[in-house]
Amino acid sequence: MLRYRAATVRADRARALLGDAVRSSQAGMDNKQAVARTAGISREFLYRVLAGQEWTWPRGRQVRPPGSRRPHTPVRELAAWTVDDSRYCLVSYRDTQGGACVAVDRGGEPGIPLCDVKVSDRHPVGAGMTMATMGHGTAVVYGRVHDRVTGIYTVMNNGERADWPICADPENGQRYFAVIADSGSLADIVATGKARNTSLADRFAIWFRRAP
């Protein structure tokens, strides 16, 4: 029961963080249908998220006014990959409110940002995910890792393992990562450390749930 409650709390926190990211990018959100599709939700549900009716903090977390990414915002490209003929770029920048943000752009289109991501020795990975449809298509998992994290690797359902880079932002010193993989084949993402490893499948089980 305690493990179930802990998992529920972690899932609620992940949804609230993603909700904050979606709401903070509302000012520059020109195509809400595309945003809803990227987040794996309906357009109607997206409107509830933007209104603060879904993916919120249970106790009404107080946050700074949301910032945005403008066309003139200096953006640093930290890494890039081509997957299924689409180019994905791990980028970082300061939003209009000074928040330290990380996102994964696809095909030149700005991705949903995670800003001011908190990490600690106890919780060394702060991450978000986007996918076209839950359990289908390409999943993008990205975020920040603590200084004690030494590496990131994926484990696929067939047991195949692949390492992914951790990139240090030259401006703010924070360390970011991204994983782009088929959501139906992705079994786990593991952050390695000298003392212990952290499994994202343990923390965010819903991300790795197989589609019905």
Protein backbone atom coordinates (compact mmCIF):
# COMPACT_ATOMS: atom_id res chain seq x y z
CA MET A 1 0.00 0.00 0.00
CA LEU A 2 2.81 2.43 0.90
CA ARG A 3 4.61 1.68 -2.36
CA TYR A 4 1.36 2.29 -4.27
CA ARG A 5 0.85 5.64 -2.53
CA ALA A 6 4.45 6.66 -3.23
CA ALA A 7 4.04 5.75 -6.90
CA THR A 8 0.82 7.77 -7.04
CA VAL A 9 2.52 10.81 -5.52
CA ARG A 10 5.35 10.57 -8.05
CA ALA A 11 2.90 10.24 -10.94
CA ASP A 12 0.91 13.26 -9.70
CA ARG A 13 4.12 15.27 -9.45
CA ALA A 14 5.17 14.31 -12.99
CA ARG A 15 1.78 15.36 -14.37
CA ALA A 16 1.88 18.65 -12.44
CA LEU A 17 5.37 19.43 -13.76
CA LEU A 18 4.24 18.76 -17.32
CA GLY A 19 1.13 20.87 -16.70
CA ASP A 20 3.33 23.75 -15.51
CA ALA A 21 5.44 23.40 -18.66
CA VAL A 22 2.38 23.47 -20.93
CA ARG A 23 0.87 26.47 -19.14
CA SER A 24 4.16 28.39 -19.16
CA SER A 25 4.40 28.06 -22.96
CA GLN A 26 0.80 29.16 -23.58
CA ALA A 27 1.80 32.66 -24.72
CA GLY A 28 3.68 31.31 -27.74
CA MET A 29 1.31 28.43 -28.45
CA ASP A 30 0.07 29.03 -31.99
CA ASN A 31 -1.16 25.51 -32.82
CA LYS A 32 -2.95 23.98 -29.85
CA GLN A 33 -3.92 20.88 -31.83
CA ALA A 34 -0.24 20.15 -32.51
CA VAL A 35 0.62 20.69 -28.84
CA ALA A 36 -2.17 18.34 -27.76
CA ARG A 37 -0.98 15.69 -30.22
CA THR A 38 2.63 16.01 -29.01
CA ALA A 39 1.55 15.69 -25.36
CA GLY A 40 -0.62 12.66 -26.19
CA ILE A 41 -3.88 14.30 -25.09
CA SER A 42 -7.04 15.58 -26.77
CA ARG A 43 -7.47 19.26 -27.58
CA GLU A 44 -10.36 19.43 -25.11
CA PHE A 45 -8.14 18.03 -22.34
CA LEU A 46 -5.41 20.53 -23.30
CA TYR A 47 -7.84 23.40 -22.68
CA ARG A 48 -8.52 22.01 -19.19
CA VAL A 49 -4.76 21.83 -18.57
CA LEU A 50 -4.34 25.44 -19.70
CA ALA A 51 -7.21 26.50 -17.44
CA GLY A 52 -5.56 24.84 -14.46
CA GLN A 53 -8.27 22.20 -14.13
CA GLU A 54 -5.97 19.24 -14.89
CA TRP A 55 -2.32 18.36 -14.24
CA THR A 56 -2.09 20.72 -11.28
CA TRP A 57 -0.49 20.57 -7.84
CA PRO A 58 -2.84 19.11 -5.18
CA ARG A 59 -2.05 21.91 -2.73
CA GLY A 60 -1.97 24.68 -5.27
CA ARG A 61 1.79 25.03 -5.71
CA GLN A 62 2.90 28.64 -5.92
CA VAL A 63 5.13 29.34 -8.91
CA ARG A 64 6.63 32.43 -10.45
CA PRO A 65 4.73 34.02 -13.38
CA PRO A 66 5.19 31.79 -16.42
CA GLY A 67 7.77 32.86 -18.95
CA SER A 68 7.91 32.09 -22.64
CA ARG A 69 10.32 31.49 -25.49
CA ARG A 70 10.33 34.25 -28.07
CA PRO A 71 11.69 34.19 -31.63
CA HIS A 72 14.68 36.27 -30.47
CA THR A 73 15.38 34.14 -27.37
CA PRO A 74 19.00 32.88 -27.42
CA VAL A 75 18.74 29.08 -27.67
CA ARG A 76 21.67 26.72 -27.17
CA GLU A 77 21.65 23.44 -29.10
CA LEU A 78 23.24 20.82 -26.87
CA ALA A 79 22.72 17.67 -28.98
CA ALA A 80 20.83 16.49 -32.06
CA TRP A 81 19.56 13.21 -33.48
CA THR A 82 17.69 12.11 -36.59
CA VAL A 83 15.01 9.50 -35.89
CA ASP A 84 12.57 8.29 -38.56
CA ASP A 85 13.60 11.19 -40.83
CA SER A 86 12.79 13.76 -38.12
CA ARG A 87 15.48 15.92 -36.52
CA TYR A 88 15.32 16.24 -32.73
CA CYS A 89 17.41 18.85 -30.91
CA LEU A 90 18.04 19.04 -27.17
CA VAL A 91 18.06 22.77 -26.43
CA SER A 92 18.32 25.04 -23.41
CA TYR A 93 17.57 28.71 -22.86
CA ARG A 94 16.34 31.36 -20.41
CA ASP A 95 12.67 32.20 -20.78
CA THR A 96 11.26 35.71 -20.50
CA GLN A 97 10.99 35.33 -16.71
CA GLY A 98 14.57 34.12 -16.33
CA GLY A 99 13.72 30.45 -15.90
CA ALA A 100 16.35 27.90 -16.91
CA CYS A 101 14.53 25.79 -19.50
CA VAL A 102 15.23 22.59 -21.42
CA ALA A 103 13.23 21.27 -24.37
CA VAL A 104 13.48 18.97 -27.36
CA ASP A 105 12.67 20.68 -30.65
CA ARG A 106 11.40 18.54 -33.51
CA GLY A 107 11.81 19.54 -37.12
CA GLY A 108 12.61 23.10 -36.10
CA GLU A 109 9.42 23.46 -34.04
CA PRO A 110 9.91 24.46 -30.37
CA GLY A 111 9.29 21.65 -27.91
CA ILE A 112 7.38 21.85 -24.63
CA PRO A 113 9.85 23.23 -22.06
CA LEU A 114 10.68 22.08 -18.56
CA CYS A 115 11.85 25.08 -16.56
CA ASP A 116 13.69 25.42 -13.25
CA VAL A 117 13.81 21.63 -12.89
CA LYS A 118 14.74 20.62 -9.35
CA VAL A 119 17.08 17.69 -8.69
CA SER A 120 18.74 16.45 -5.52
CA ASP A 121 20.93 13.62 -4.29
CA ARG A 122 17.76 11.75 -3.30
CA HIS A 123 15.91 12.53 -6.55
CA PRO A 124 18.70 12.87 -9.11
CA VAL A 125 16.53 12.97 -12.24
CA GLY A 126 13.84 15.50 -13.12
CA ALA A 127 12.18 14.57 -16.40
CA GLY A 128 9.21 15.02 -18.68
CA MET A 129 7.89 13.04 -21.64
CA THR A 130 6.02 13.69 -24.85
CA MET A 131 4.64 11.17 -27.33
CA ALA A 132 2.06 11.21 -30.11
CA THR A 133 -0.23 8.69 -28.40
CA MET A 134 0.33 6.92 -25.09
CA GLY A 135 2.14 3.67 -25.81
CA HIS A 136 2.47 4.32 -29.56
CA GLY A 137 4.99 6.12 -31.75
CA THR A 138 8.16 7.94 -30.80
CA ALA A 139 8.60 8.92 -27.16
CA VAL A 140 10.82 11.82 -26.12
CA VAL A 141 12.01 11.76 -22.51
CA TYR A 142 14.12 14.71 -21.42
CA GLY A 143 15.13 16.72 -18.40
CA ARG A 144 17.88 17.50 -15.91
CA VAL A 145 20.17 15.24 -13.89
CA HIS A 146 22.06 15.81 -10.64
CA ASP A 147 25.84 16.15 -10.62
CA ARG A 148 26.17 12.67 -9.10
CA VAL A 149 24.66 11.05 -12.21
CA THR A 150 27.43 9.60 -14.36
CA GLY A 151 25.44 8.29 -17.32
CA ILE A 152 22.06 7.60 -18.94
CA TYR A 153 21.11 4.45 -20.80
CA THR A 154 17.95 2.91 -22.22
CA VAL A 155 16.79 -0.69 -21.96
CA MET A 156 14.48 -1.99 -24.67
CA ASN A 157 12.00 -4.83 -24.35
CA ASN A 158 14.38 -7.15 -26.21
CA GLY A 159 17.14 -6.42 -23.68
CA GLU A 160 19.10 -4.13 -25.98
CA ARG A 161 20.91 -1.33 -24.14
CA ALA A 162 22.04 2.04 -25.53
CA ASP A 163 23.89 4.93 -23.90
CA TRP A 164 22.66 8.52 -24.24
CA PRO A 165 24.74 11.65 -23.62
CA ILE A 166 24.45 14.05 -20.71
CA CYS A 167 25.06 17.63 -21.87
CA ALA A 168 26.18 20.48 -19.63
CA ASP A 169 24.66 23.87 -20.36
CA PRO A 170 27.56 26.33 -20.80
CA GLU A 171 25.52 29.23 -19.42
CA ASN A 172 23.87 27.86 -16.29
CA GLY A 173 26.00 24.77 -15.62
CA GLN A 174 22.99 22.46 -15.36
CA ARG A 175 23.21 19.00 -16.93
CA TYR A 176 20.51 17.91 -19.35
CA PHE A 177 19.64 14.76 -21.28
CA ALA A 178 17.18 13.46 -23.85
CA VAL A 179 16.14 10.01 -25.03
CA ILE A 180 14.25 9.45 -28.29
CA ALA A 181 12.89 5.93 -28.69
CA ASP A 182 9.93 3.87 -29.83
CA SER A 183 7.50 4.04 -26.91
CA GLY A 184 6.20 0.53 -27.49
CA SER A 185 9.71 -0.95 -27.25
CA LEU A 186 11.13 1.15 -24.41
CA ALA A 187 11.35 -0.82 -21.16
CA ASP A 188 13.36 1.53 -18.93
CA ILE A 189 15.68 4.52 -18.73
CA VAL A 190 18.40 4.27 -16.10
CA ALA A 191 20.54 7.02 -14.60
CA THR A 192 23.79 5.59 -13.29
CA GLY A 193 25.69 6.85 -10.27
CA LYS A 194 28.68 5.91 -8.17
CA ALA A 195 26.51 4.92 -5.19
CA ARG A 196 23.31 3.72 -6.89
CA ASN A 197 21.32 3.74 -10.10
CA THR A 198 17.92 5.36 -10.63
CA SER A 199 15.26 3.65 -12.76
CA LEU A 200 12.73 5.94 -14.41
CA ALA A 201 10.41 2.96 -14.88
CA ASP A 202 10.22 2.77 -11.08
CA ARG A 203 9.50 6.48 -10.72
CA PHE A 204 7.27 7.04 -13.77
CA ALA A 205 5.73 3.64 -14.45
CA ILE A 206 2.93 5.06 -16.62
CA TRP A 207 5.50 6.18 -19.22
CA PHE A 208 6.59 2.60 -19.80
CA ARG A 209 3.18 0.98 -19.70
CA ARG A 210 2.36 -1.04 -22.79
CA ALA A 211 -0.57 0.13 -24.86
CA PRO A 212 -3.71 -2.03 -24.55
